N, C-alpha and C. Protein backbone atom coordinates (compact mmCIF):
# COMPACT_ATOMS: atom_id res chain seq x y z
N MET A 1 37.00 -28.11 13.30
CA MET A 1 37.02 -26.36 12.79
C MET A 1 36.66 -26.48 11.33
N ARG A 2 37.58 -27.24 10.60
CA ARG A 2 37.42 -27.09 8.87
C ARG A 2 35.46 -27.37 8.21
N ASP A 3 35.64 -28.47 8.79
CA ASP A 3 34.12 -28.82 8.80
C ASP A 3 33.19 -27.66 8.94
N LEU A 4 33.38 -27.06 10.49
CA LEU A 4 32.50 -25.64 10.68
C LEU A 4 32.26 -25.12 9.64
N LYS A 5 33.79 -24.37 9.02
CA LYS A 5 34.06 -23.90 7.86
C LYS A 5 33.76 -24.43 6.68
N ARG A 6 33.37 -25.25 6.40
CA ARG A 6 32.60 -25.92 5.20
C ARG A 6 30.82 -25.78 5.94
N ARG A 7 30.38 -26.36 6.55
CA ARG A 7 29.15 -25.62 6.32
C ARG A 7 29.02 -24.29 6.34
N SER A 8 29.48 -23.37 6.87
CA SER A 8 29.68 -21.83 6.88
C SER A 8 29.59 -21.43 5.44
N PHE A 9 30.23 -22.16 4.68
CA PHE A 9 30.29 -21.98 3.46
C PHE A 9 28.99 -22.48 2.44
N ILE A 10 29.15 -23.79 2.76
CA ILE A 10 27.35 -24.35 2.30
C ILE A 10 26.29 -23.42 2.84
N THR A 11 25.85 -22.78 3.60
CA THR A 11 24.58 -22.09 4.14
C THR A 11 24.76 -20.84 3.30
N LEU A 12 25.34 -20.65 3.27
CA LEU A 12 26.31 -19.04 2.39
C LEU A 12 25.86 -19.25 1.30
N LEU A 13 26.20 -20.00 0.65
CA LEU A 13 25.92 -20.72 -1.12
C LEU A 13 24.37 -20.57 -1.14
N GLY A 14 23.68 -21.54 -0.34
CA GLY A 14 22.67 -21.66 -0.25
C GLY A 14 21.60 -21.07 -0.63
N GLY A 15 22.15 -19.75 0.93
CA GLY A 15 21.59 -18.59 0.64
C GLY A 15 21.28 -17.97 -0.31
N ALA A 16 22.68 -17.54 -0.61
CA ALA A 16 22.93 -16.58 -2.10
C ALA A 16 22.26 -17.24 -3.23
N ALA A 17 22.16 -18.26 -3.09
CA ALA A 17 21.08 -19.35 -4.43
C ALA A 17 19.35 -19.10 -4.38
N ALA A 18 18.92 -19.24 -3.06
CA ALA A 18 17.77 -18.69 -3.11
C ALA A 18 17.18 -17.42 -2.83
N TRP A 19 18.00 -16.69 -2.68
CA TRP A 19 17.86 -14.82 -2.87
C TRP A 19 16.88 -14.84 -3.35
N PRO A 20 17.72 -14.56 -5.22
CA PRO A 20 16.81 -14.64 -6.36
C PRO A 20 15.56 -15.10 -6.20
N LEU A 21 15.16 -16.49 -6.11
CA LEU A 21 14.04 -16.33 -6.01
C LEU A 21 13.17 -16.51 -4.66
N ALA A 22 13.42 -16.16 -3.69
CA ALA A 22 12.47 -15.57 -3.24
C ALA A 22 12.30 -14.10 -3.02
N ALA A 23 13.56 -13.44 -3.67
CA ALA A 23 12.94 -11.15 -4.56
C ALA A 23 11.91 -11.81 -5.61
N ARG A 24 12.30 -12.38 -6.38
CA ARG A 24 11.52 -12.84 -7.26
C ARG A 24 9.50 -13.04 -6.60
N ALA A 25 9.70 -14.20 -5.70
CA ALA A 25 8.48 -14.80 -5.09
C ALA A 25 7.65 -13.39 -5.07
N GLN A 26 8.02 -12.30 -4.45
CA GLN A 26 7.57 -11.39 -3.50
C GLN A 26 6.66 -10.09 -4.72
N GLN A 27 7.18 -10.48 -6.07
CA GLN A 27 6.69 -9.75 -7.15
C GLN A 27 5.92 -9.75 -7.88
N PRO A 28 4.73 -9.57 -7.93
CA PRO A 28 3.58 -10.10 -8.77
C PRO A 28 3.85 -10.61 -10.21
N VAL A 29 3.37 -11.31 -10.87
CA VAL A 29 3.97 -11.68 -12.32
C VAL A 29 2.68 -11.50 -13.04
N GLY A 30 3.06 -11.37 -14.05
CA GLY A 30 1.76 -10.46 -15.58
C GLY A 30 1.64 -9.20 -15.21
N ARG A 31 0.35 -8.78 -15.05
CA ARG A 31 -0.02 -7.50 -14.67
C ARG A 31 0.34 -7.10 -13.62
N MET A 32 0.32 -5.72 -13.75
CA MET A 32 0.47 -4.37 -13.10
C MET A 32 -0.90 -4.58 -12.14
N ARG A 33 -0.59 -4.95 -10.47
CA ARG A 33 -1.53 -4.43 -9.43
C ARG A 33 -1.94 -3.07 -9.83
N ARG A 34 -3.11 -3.04 -9.05
CA ARG A 34 -3.95 -1.45 -8.71
C ARG A 34 -5.10 -1.37 -7.92
N ILE A 35 -4.61 -0.16 -6.91
CA ILE A 35 -4.92 0.71 -5.71
C ILE A 35 -5.64 1.34 -5.38
N GLY A 36 -6.87 1.19 -5.36
CA GLY A 36 -7.62 2.56 -5.65
C GLY A 36 -7.42 3.28 -4.10
N VAL A 37 -7.28 4.35 -4.14
CA VAL A 37 -7.59 4.95 -2.63
C VAL A 37 -8.37 6.18 -2.42
N MET A 38 -8.93 6.37 -1.94
CA MET A 38 -10.06 7.61 -1.26
C MET A 38 -9.55 8.56 -0.31
N MET A 39 -9.03 9.49 -0.74
CA MET A 39 -8.93 10.15 0.64
C MET A 39 -9.76 11.15 0.85
N LEU A 40 -9.68 11.67 1.81
CA LEU A 40 -11.12 12.76 2.72
C LEU A 40 -10.74 14.14 2.34
N LEU A 41 -9.00 14.11 2.61
CA LEU A 41 -9.39 15.71 2.21
C LEU A 41 -8.51 16.17 0.86
N ALA A 42 -8.51 17.41 1.08
CA ALA A 42 -7.83 18.14 -0.48
C ALA A 42 -6.44 17.67 -0.99
N GLU A 43 -5.96 17.75 -2.04
CA GLU A 43 -4.61 17.09 -2.22
C GLU A 43 -3.20 17.70 -1.54
N ASP A 44 -3.81 18.94 -1.48
CA ASP A 44 -2.67 20.22 -1.60
C ASP A 44 -2.88 20.35 0.58
N ASP A 45 -3.52 19.40 1.23
CA ASP A 45 -3.35 19.37 2.70
C ASP A 45 -2.42 19.10 3.00
N PRO A 46 -0.98 19.79 4.31
CA PRO A 46 -0.21 19.28 4.96
C PRO A 46 -0.25 17.79 5.45
N GLN A 47 -1.70 17.69 5.62
CA GLN A 47 -2.03 15.93 6.98
C GLN A 47 -2.16 15.07 5.64
N GLN A 48 -2.59 15.39 4.78
CA GLN A 48 -3.03 14.93 3.63
C GLN A 48 -1.69 13.76 3.12
N LYS A 49 -1.05 15.43 2.77
CA LYS A 49 1.07 14.73 2.04
C LYS A 49 1.76 14.12 2.72
N THR A 50 1.55 14.08 4.30
CA THR A 50 2.28 13.82 5.34
C THR A 50 1.62 11.90 5.20
N TRP A 51 0.25 11.65 4.86
CA TRP A 51 -0.05 10.45 4.81
C TRP A 51 0.17 9.77 3.97
N THR A 52 0.12 10.39 2.64
CA THR A 52 0.43 9.93 1.68
C THR A 52 2.29 9.77 1.24
N GLU A 53 2.84 10.37 1.65
CA GLU A 53 4.32 9.87 1.84
C GLU A 53 4.28 8.33 2.60
N ALA A 54 3.47 8.63 3.46
CA ALA A 54 4.32 7.39 4.65
C ALA A 54 3.34 6.16 3.78
N PHE A 55 2.10 6.61 3.16
CA PHE A 55 1.55 5.38 2.42
C PHE A 55 2.70 4.47 1.49
N LEU A 56 3.26 5.30 0.83
CA LEU A 56 3.73 5.32 -0.47
C LEU A 56 5.32 4.67 0.62
N GLN A 57 6.10 4.94 1.07
CA GLN A 57 6.98 4.37 2.04
C GLN A 57 6.70 2.81 2.37
N GLY A 58 5.53 3.09 3.45
CA GLY A 58 5.35 1.72 3.87
C GLY A 58 5.21 0.58 2.30
N LEU A 59 4.96 0.96 1.79
CA LEU A 59 4.24 0.39 0.56
C LEU A 59 5.88 0.04 -0.29
N GLN A 60 6.37 1.01 -0.66
CA GLN A 60 8.15 0.72 -0.84
C GLN A 60 9.02 -0.22 -0.21
N HIS A 61 8.63 -0.14 1.39
CA HIS A 61 9.40 -0.96 1.87
C HIS A 61 9.10 -2.81 2.01
N SER A 62 7.81 -2.49 1.11
CA SER A 62 7.51 -3.92 0.84
C SER A 62 7.66 -4.60 -0.46
N GLY A 63 8.21 -3.82 -1.26
CA GLY A 63 8.49 -4.19 -2.44
C GLY A 63 7.78 -3.48 -3.35
N TRP A 64 6.75 -2.68 -3.13
CA TRP A 64 5.78 -2.22 -4.20
C TRP A 64 6.13 -1.13 -4.21
N ILE A 65 6.41 -0.44 -5.93
CA ILE A 65 6.52 0.76 -6.18
C ILE A 65 5.24 1.25 -7.08
N ASP A 66 5.24 2.41 -6.92
CA ASP A 66 4.11 3.25 -7.36
C ASP A 66 4.67 3.25 -9.09
N ARG A 67 3.54 3.12 -10.07
CA ARG A 67 3.92 2.90 -11.36
C ARG A 67 5.15 2.42 -11.96
N GLY A 68 5.85 0.95 -10.89
CA GLY A 68 6.44 0.17 -11.47
C GLY A 68 5.59 -1.41 -11.50
N ASN A 69 5.22 -1.80 -10.40
CA ASN A 69 4.51 -2.88 -10.13
C ASN A 69 3.52 -2.53 -9.80
N VAL A 70 3.15 -1.41 -9.25
CA VAL A 70 1.93 -1.35 -8.57
C VAL A 70 1.20 -0.32 -9.35
N GLN A 71 -0.20 0.36 -9.58
CA GLN A 71 -0.61 1.11 -10.14
C GLN A 71 -1.88 2.30 -8.92
N ILE A 72 -1.56 2.71 -8.63
CA ILE A 72 -2.47 3.53 -7.50
C ILE A 72 -2.82 4.66 -8.11
N ASP A 73 -4.18 4.48 -7.90
CA ASP A 73 -5.23 5.57 -8.28
C ASP A 73 -5.98 6.56 -6.97
N TYR A 74 -5.74 7.78 -7.05
CA TYR A 74 -6.48 8.50 -5.79
C TYR A 74 -7.38 9.45 -6.50
N ARG A 75 -8.10 9.37 -5.61
CA ARG A 75 -9.41 10.20 -5.49
C ARG A 75 -9.29 11.39 -4.02
N TRP A 76 -9.54 12.71 -4.31
CA TRP A 76 -9.50 13.46 -3.19
C TRP A 76 -10.69 14.23 -2.58
N GLY A 77 -11.64 13.35 -1.57
CA GLY A 77 -12.87 13.97 -1.52
C GLY A 77 -13.07 15.74 -0.25
N ALA A 78 -11.76 15.83 -0.13
CA ALA A 78 -11.66 17.31 0.54
C ALA A 78 -13.09 17.75 0.88
N GLY A 79 -13.76 16.06 1.48
CA GLY A 79 -14.47 16.77 2.70
C GLY A 79 -15.82 17.23 2.38
N ASP A 80 -16.31 16.79 0.50
CA ASP A 80 -17.20 16.99 0.22
C ASP A 80 -17.63 15.51 0.11
N SER A 81 -19.41 15.38 0.82
CA SER A 81 -19.59 14.39 0.45
C SER A 81 -19.88 13.46 -0.76
N ALA A 82 -21.01 14.90 -1.69
CA ALA A 82 -21.32 14.62 -2.82
C ALA A 82 -19.99 13.64 -3.98
N ARG A 83 -18.75 14.72 -3.88
CA ARG A 83 -17.59 14.42 -4.55
C ARG A 83 -17.06 13.15 -4.06
N ALA A 84 -17.33 12.69 -2.84
CA ALA A 84 -16.89 11.51 -2.45
C ALA A 84 -17.68 10.49 -2.62
N ARG A 85 -18.89 10.59 -3.07
CA ARG A 85 -19.67 9.48 -3.84
C ARG A 85 -19.39 9.33 -5.34
N ARG A 86 -19.32 10.18 -5.45
CA ARG A 86 -19.09 10.49 -7.40
C ARG A 86 -17.46 9.90 -7.70
N TYR A 87 -16.43 10.18 -6.56
CA TYR A 87 -15.73 9.25 -6.61
C TYR A 87 -15.53 8.05 -6.33
N ALA A 88 -15.94 7.28 -5.82
CA ALA A 88 -16.17 6.07 -5.71
C ALA A 88 -16.98 5.29 -6.42
N ALA A 89 -17.29 5.64 -7.03
CA ALA A 89 -17.90 5.37 -8.67
C ALA A 89 -16.51 5.13 -9.62
N GLU A 90 -16.10 6.10 -9.53
CA GLU A 90 -14.62 6.56 -10.50
C GLU A 90 -14.06 5.20 -10.31
N LEU A 91 -13.56 4.96 -8.95
CA LEU A 91 -12.73 4.32 -8.55
C LEU A 91 -12.97 3.21 -8.76
N VAL A 92 -14.09 2.50 -7.84
CA VAL A 92 -14.95 1.06 -8.39
C VAL A 92 -14.98 0.76 -10.33
N ALA A 93 -15.22 2.14 -10.92
CA ALA A 93 -14.84 2.14 -12.61
C ALA A 93 -13.60 0.98 -13.17
N LEU A 94 -12.60 1.86 -12.44
CA LEU A 94 -10.80 1.41 -12.64
C LEU A 94 -10.63 -0.14 -12.28
N ALA A 95 -11.35 -0.88 -11.63
CA ALA A 95 -11.33 -2.29 -11.45
C ALA A 95 -10.32 -2.48 -10.48
N PRO A 96 -9.98 -1.54 -8.98
CA PRO A 96 -8.44 -1.99 -8.64
C PRO A 96 -8.89 -3.22 -7.87
N ASP A 97 -7.75 -4.00 -8.07
CA ASP A 97 -7.33 -5.31 -6.57
C ASP A 97 -7.88 -5.02 -5.44
N VAL A 98 -7.40 -3.71 -4.57
CA VAL A 98 -8.44 -3.26 -3.68
C VAL A 98 -8.80 -1.89 -3.44
N ILE A 99 -8.75 -1.37 -2.54
CA ILE A 99 -9.64 -0.36 -2.13
C ILE A 99 -9.43 0.19 -1.08
N LEU A 100 -8.85 1.41 -0.63
CA LEU A 100 -8.01 1.94 1.23
C LEU A 100 -9.27 2.95 1.04
N ALA A 101 -9.47 2.72 2.36
CA ALA A 101 -10.58 4.01 2.47
C ALA A 101 -10.41 4.36 4.11
N PRO A 102 -9.45 5.53 4.22
CA PRO A 102 -8.70 5.47 5.15
C PRO A 102 -9.67 6.38 5.92
N GLY A 103 -10.77 6.01 6.73
CA GLY A 103 -11.55 6.63 7.53
C GLY A 103 -13.30 6.37 7.22
N ARG A 104 -13.82 6.68 7.79
CA ARG A 104 -15.46 6.00 8.31
C ARG A 104 -16.32 7.28 6.79
N VAL A 105 -15.49 8.62 6.69
CA VAL A 105 -16.71 9.22 6.26
C VAL A 105 -15.79 8.54 4.25
N ALA A 106 -15.11 8.01 3.97
CA ALA A 106 -14.36 7.83 2.96
C ALA A 106 -14.85 6.21 2.86
N LEU A 107 -15.43 5.36 4.08
CA LEU A 107 -15.63 3.92 3.72
C LEU A 107 -17.14 3.74 2.94
N GLY A 108 -18.44 4.82 3.66
CA GLY A 108 -19.62 4.55 3.47
C GLY A 108 -19.47 5.03 1.50
N PRO A 109 -19.20 5.45 1.06
CA PRO A 109 -19.62 5.52 -0.51
C PRO A 109 -18.54 4.66 -0.91
N MET A 110 -17.53 4.06 -0.69
CA MET A 110 -17.13 3.09 -1.54
C MET A 110 -18.04 1.84 -0.86
N LEU A 111 -19.16 1.61 -0.06
CA LEU A 111 -19.39 0.55 0.77
C LEU A 111 -20.63 0.65 -0.18
N GLN A 112 -21.28 1.64 -0.48
CA GLN A 112 -22.09 1.60 -1.86
C GLN A 112 -22.19 1.44 -2.78
N ALA A 113 -20.67 2.14 -3.42
CA ALA A 113 -19.94 1.68 -5.04
C ALA A 113 -19.79 0.24 -4.99
N THR A 114 -19.60 -0.29 -3.81
CA THR A 114 -19.37 -1.74 -4.13
C THR A 114 -18.82 -2.99 -3.41
N ARG A 115 -19.39 -4.37 -3.43
CA ARG A 115 -19.19 -5.30 -2.86
C ARG A 115 -18.48 -5.94 -3.22
N ASP A 116 -18.28 -5.82 -4.20
CA ASP A 116 -17.04 -7.13 -4.77
C ASP A 116 -15.47 -6.86 -4.54
N ILE A 117 -15.05 -5.61 -4.60
CA ILE A 117 -13.77 -5.05 -4.10
C ILE A 117 -13.31 -4.69 -2.68
N PRO A 118 -12.48 -5.79 -2.58
CA PRO A 118 -11.91 -5.65 -0.80
C PRO A 118 -11.47 -4.10 -1.12
N ILE A 119 -12.24 -3.94 0.37
CA ILE A 119 -11.85 -2.73 1.00
C ILE A 119 -11.23 -2.48 2.34
N VAL A 120 -9.72 -1.95 2.09
CA VAL A 120 -9.27 -1.70 3.55
C VAL A 120 -9.51 -0.84 4.13
N PHE A 121 -10.47 -1.08 5.18
CA PHE A 121 -10.97 0.52 5.95
C PHE A 121 -9.27 0.97 7.25
N VAL A 122 -8.85 2.13 7.05
CA VAL A 122 -8.08 2.38 8.19
C VAL A 122 -8.25 3.45 8.82
N HIS A 123 -8.35 4.00 9.84
CA HIS A 123 -8.23 5.07 10.76
C HIS A 123 -7.25 5.33 11.38
N VAL A 124 -6.72 6.16 11.16
CA VAL A 124 -5.26 7.06 11.34
C VAL A 124 -5.72 8.35 12.23
N PRO A 125 -6.17 8.99 13.40
CA PRO A 125 -6.02 10.07 13.64
C PRO A 125 -5.18 10.55 13.83
N GLU A 126 -3.75 10.37 13.66
CA GLU A 126 -2.92 12.20 13.21
C GLU A 126 -2.26 11.61 11.74
N ALA A 127 -1.75 11.78 10.77
CA ALA A 127 -1.02 11.53 9.94
C ALA A 127 0.67 11.16 10.53
N LYS A 128 1.15 11.87 11.11
CA LYS A 128 2.11 12.02 11.70
C LYS A 128 2.82 10.89 12.79
N ALA A 129 1.73 10.04 13.10
CA ALA A 129 2.31 8.83 13.59
C ALA A 129 2.44 7.53 12.68
N VAL A 130 1.40 8.32 11.42
CA VAL A 130 1.89 7.35 10.45
C VAL A 130 3.30 7.13 9.51
N LYS A 131 3.56 8.28 9.66
CA LYS A 131 4.64 8.21 9.47
C LYS A 131 5.82 8.08 9.63
N ALA A 132 5.41 8.04 11.81
CA ALA A 132 6.96 7.45 12.31
C ALA A 132 6.87 5.68 12.66
N ALA A 133 5.29 5.41 12.14
CA ALA A 133 5.22 3.82 12.22
C ALA A 133 6.17 3.05 11.22
N ALA A 134 5.91 4.18 9.97
CA ALA A 134 6.45 3.58 8.85
C ALA A 134 8.12 3.95 8.65
N GLU A 135 8.52 4.32 9.40
CA GLU A 135 9.87 4.63 10.16
C GLU A 135 10.86 4.16 11.11
N ALA A 136 9.48 3.31 11.90
CA ALA A 136 9.93 2.49 13.26
C ALA A 136 10.74 1.17 12.07
N PRO A 137 12.08 0.96 12.70
CA PRO A 137 12.07 -0.73 12.34
C PRO A 137 11.52 -1.54 12.52
N VAL A 138 11.31 -2.68 11.67
CA VAL A 138 10.32 -3.67 11.97
C VAL A 138 11.32 -4.78 12.66
N GLY A 139 10.82 -5.25 13.99
CA GLY A 139 11.58 -6.79 14.51
C GLY A 139 10.40 -7.40 14.98
N SER A 140 11.09 -8.37 15.77
CA SER A 140 9.93 -9.57 16.59
C SER A 140 10.43 -9.15 17.64
């Protein structure tokens, strides 16, 4: 019995010692990371607001805090293809580490503007589904 308590204590102590190292390993070292996001709708669109909130919550859940350890640059296309092309060029000029293109309409201008910056293409049919997924518990 005494041996079992000793093992539990050693395991607990080892976990406590390793925890700060694991936490530090998840945070970027050095410069702040940058994400470019090309939104399809207008900034004040309710569906777009819901999607943006879910996106920020998902990042925060993974340890990424806007204006903390990551800079997020948004451009709002508002359904205008000329504006989307102009904003795609603006995002590329900011030299983000990655660009998020939520939808085919955003993807085209981003691919025309760059082939050097990784582009993450996301298609979500409804913003409420994103928020629900972000709030769902993660498990195996």
